Amino acid sequence: MLLIVVEAYNKWVEVKPTTLTTATSTIAIMDNLFTAYGTSITLVSDNGRQNIAEEFKTFLKNSGVKYHKLSAPYHPSTNGQAERYAQTVKDALYTIKTTKSTLQSNLNQFLRQYRKAPHSITRQSPSQLFLGRDLRTRPNLTRSDDISTKVLEKQRAEMRSTFRSLEDGQRVYF
């Protein structure tokens, strides 16, 4: 099972494999995401038992989530963005023939490509909107860097220590 979390503004996607769909396991995953990226103001979720459990509601309140909106029961289409991303992730994993043993590496491969590609609505990549920069991937190794990047890297590489080496018994003045 996968827990798919989408940031509505910049389309950043997090996909977390899980074996349990309990409130406790969902809280653990959401707590890790809140720690890494900060707490959301609004959280939209389906009406799964884990999402309507008192334990989950308490967690959200204590974490600082102001609004927890639930989609209409038995109408997953009311949370269209999440449903669209669930389908996109499932299609991608099916296309690259994911097995249980390759799930995490295939997820990483998909997310790496998805996060660096410009989104059709925002016209920018999720990484650019979310992180303020493009992700560096293998194709970047084949491109030549611009002059300022080369100069900066060279300056960092040639940085010398300001300490001098002294010989034993050498006279110094300080």
Protein backbone atom coordinates (compact mmCIF):
# COMPACT_ATOMS: atom_id res chain seq x y z
CA MET A 1 0.00 0.00 0.00
CA LEU A 2 1.12 3.53 -0.68
CA LEU A 3 0.36 6.76 1.13
CA ILE A 4 0.43 9.55 -1.46
CA VAL A 5 0.77 13.13 -0.28
CA VAL A 6 0.55 16.03 -2.73
CA GLU A 7 1.32 19.67 -2.00
CA ALA A 8 -1.51 21.47 -3.79
CA TYR A 9 0.34 24.65 -4.81
CA ASN A 10 3.58 23.30 -6.27
CA LYS A 11 2.52 19.70 -7.05
CA TRP A 12 5.35 18.19 -4.96
CA VAL A 13 4.56 14.50 -4.46
CA GLU A 14 5.62 12.23 -1.63
CA VAL A 15 4.90 8.50 -1.89
CA LYS A 16 5.42 6.39 1.22
CA PRO A 17 5.06 2.61 1.12
CA THR A 18 3.32 1.17 4.17
CA THR A 19 2.10 -2.22 5.26
CA LEU A 20 -0.55 -0.86 7.62
CA THR A 21 -3.34 1.64 7.14
CA THR A 22 -3.90 2.33 10.81
CA ALA A 23 -4.06 5.77 12.36
CA THR A 24 -0.79 5.06 14.18
CA SER A 25 1.13 4.20 11.00
CA THR A 26 -0.37 7.17 9.16
CA ILE A 27 0.58 9.46 12.03
CA ALA A 28 4.16 8.17 11.91
CA ILE A 29 4.44 8.91 8.18
CA MET A 30 2.79 12.33 8.46
CA ASP A 31 4.98 13.22 11.45
CA ASN A 32 8.09 12.45 9.34
CA LEU A 33 6.75 14.63 6.51
CA PHE A 34 5.86 17.49 8.87
CA THR A 35 9.35 17.26 10.36
CA ALA A 36 11.00 17.41 6.95
CA TYR A 37 8.81 20.04 5.30
CA GLY A 38 6.85 21.79 8.03
CA THR A 39 3.24 21.44 9.07
CA SER A 40 0.47 22.07 6.58
CA ILE A 41 -2.24 24.63 7.28
CA THR A 42 -4.89 22.55 5.52
CA LEU A 43 -4.99 18.80 5.02
CA VAL A 44 -7.48 17.20 2.65
CA SER A 45 -7.98 13.46 2.94
CA ASP A 46 -10.47 10.73 2.20
CA ASN A 47 -12.76 9.21 4.82
CA GLY A 48 -10.54 6.23 5.56
CA ARG A 49 -10.78 4.95 9.12
CA GLN A 50 -7.25 6.13 9.86
CA ASN A 51 -8.11 9.68 8.73
CA ILE A 52 -11.25 10.04 10.84
CA ALA A 53 -9.85 8.35 13.95
CA GLU A 54 -9.75 10.46 17.09
CA GLU A 55 -6.03 9.70 17.46
CA PHE A 56 -5.33 11.18 13.99
CA LYS A 57 -7.47 14.26 14.67
CA THR A 58 -5.59 14.85 17.93
CA PHE A 59 -2.26 14.48 16.12
CA LEU A 60 -3.26 17.05 13.50
CA LYS A 61 -4.48 19.48 16.15
CA ASN A 62 -1.28 19.10 18.21
CA SER A 63 0.84 19.48 15.06
CA GLY A 64 -0.80 22.76 14.15
CA VAL A 65 -2.93 21.77 11.17
CA LYS A 66 -5.77 24.31 11.20
CA TYR A 67 -8.18 22.65 8.77
CA HIS A 68 -8.73 18.97 8.10
CA LYS A 69 -11.13 18.59 5.20
CA LEU A 70 -12.59 15.25 4.24
CA SER A 71 -13.79 14.29 0.78
CA ALA A 72 -17.40 13.21 0.35
CA PRO A 73 -17.99 9.62 1.50
CA TYR A 74 -18.10 7.10 -1.37
CA HIS A 75 -17.17 9.86 -3.85
CA PRO A 76 -13.39 9.82 -4.22
CA SER A 77 -13.67 12.15 -7.21
CA THR A 78 -14.34 15.04 -4.80
CA ASN A 79 -10.63 14.88 -3.96
CA GLY A 80 -9.68 14.92 -7.64
CA GLN A 81 -6.06 15.98 -7.33
CA ALA A 82 -5.19 13.14 -4.94
CA GLU A 83 -7.05 10.62 -7.09
CA ARG A 84 -5.23 11.86 -10.20
CA TYR A 85 -1.85 11.46 -8.51
CA ALA A 86 -2.75 8.00 -7.19
CA GLN A 87 -3.53 6.96 -10.77
CA THR A 88 -0.35 8.57 -12.10
CA VAL A 89 1.82 6.76 -9.54
CA LYS A 90 0.08 3.43 -10.14
CA ASP A 91 0.44 3.78 -13.92
CA ALA A 92 4.13 4.64 -13.63
CA LEU A 93 4.85 1.70 -11.33
CA TYR A 94 2.92 -0.64 -13.60
CA THR A 95 4.76 0.65 -16.68
CA ILE A 96 8.18 0.02 -15.18
CA LYS A 97 7.06 -3.44 -14.04
CA THR A 98 7.45 -2.89 -10.32
CA THR A 99 7.70 -5.88 -8.02
CA LYS A 100 7.72 -5.95 -4.24
CA SER A 101 11.51 -6.08 -4.23
CA THR A 102 11.92 -3.16 -6.67
CA LEU A 103 9.18 -0.92 -5.26
CA GLN A 104 11.38 1.63 -3.48
CA SER A 105 13.96 1.97 -6.26
CA ASN A 106 11.21 2.32 -8.88
CA LEU A 107 9.42 4.90 -6.74
CA ASN A 108 12.67 6.85 -6.43
CA GLN A 109 13.18 6.69 -10.19
CA PHE A 110 9.63 7.92 -10.86
CA LEU A 111 9.77 10.72 -8.26
CA ARG A 112 13.16 11.92 -9.50
CA GLN A 113 11.79 12.30 -13.03
CA TYR A 114 8.43 13.71 -11.97
CA ARG A 115 9.87 16.34 -9.64
CA LYS A 116 12.25 17.78 -12.24
CA ALA A 117 9.79 17.91 -15.17
CA PRO A 118 7.80 21.12 -15.73
CA HIS A 119 4.16 20.70 -14.70
CA SER A 120 1.50 21.43 -17.32
CA ILE A 121 -0.40 23.83 -15.05
CA THR A 122 2.39 25.69 -13.24
CA ARG A 123 4.83 25.59 -16.21
CA GLN A 124 7.63 25.01 -13.68
CA SER A 125 9.01 21.86 -12.12
CA PRO A 126 7.77 20.90 -8.65
CA SER A 127 11.38 21.06 -7.41
CA GLN A 128 11.75 24.63 -8.67
CA LEU A 129 8.56 25.73 -6.93
CA PHE A 130 9.11 23.70 -3.76
CA LEU A 131 12.89 23.88 -3.28
CA GLY A 132 13.65 26.98 -5.32
CA ARG A 133 16.06 25.04 -7.54
CA ASP A 134 16.13 22.25 -10.09
CA LEU A 135 17.18 18.80 -9.01
CA ARG A 136 20.61 17.71 -10.15
CA THR A 137 20.40 14.38 -11.96
CA ARG A 138 22.57 12.26 -14.27
CA PRO A 139 21.90 14.30 -17.42
CA ASN A 140 23.39 17.31 -15.61
CA LEU A 141 26.76 15.52 -15.65
CA THR A 142 26.90 15.71 -19.44
CA ARG A 143 26.10 19.43 -19.65
CA SER A 144 28.88 21.95 -19.30
CA ASP A 145 28.45 24.32 -16.38
CA ASP A 146 28.26 28.04 -16.88
CA ILE A 147 31.37 30.13 -16.14
CA SER A 148 30.25 31.38 -12.71
CA THR A 149 29.66 27.82 -11.49
CA LYS A 150 33.10 26.71 -12.72
CA VAL A 151 34.83 29.66 -11.06
CA LEU A 152 33.02 29.07 -7.78
CA GLU A 153 33.91 25.36 -7.76
CA LYS A 154 37.56 26.14 -8.54
CA GLN A 155 37.74 28.71 -5.75
CA ARG A 156 36.33 26.22 -3.28
CA ALA A 157 38.74 23.49 -4.43
CA GLU A 158 41.83 25.74 -4.11
CA MET A 159 40.95 27.16 -0.72
CA ARG A 160 44.06 27.02 1.46
CA SER A 161 44.30 27.04 5.19
CA THR A 162 45.36 30.33 6.81
CA PHE A 163 47.60 28.47 9.27
CA ARG A 164 51.35 28.37 8.69
CA SER A 165 53.55 25.42 9.37
CA LEU A 166 56.33 26.04 11.85
CA GLU A 167 59.51 24.06 12.41
CA ASP A 168 60.53 22.87 15.86
CA GLY A 169 62.72 25.50 17.53
CA GLN A 170 61.81 28.20 15.00
CA ARG A 171 61.65 31.68 16.50
CA VAL A 172 58.27 33.41 16.19
CA TYR A 173 56.97 36.79 17.16
CA PHE A 174 53.41 37.33 18.28
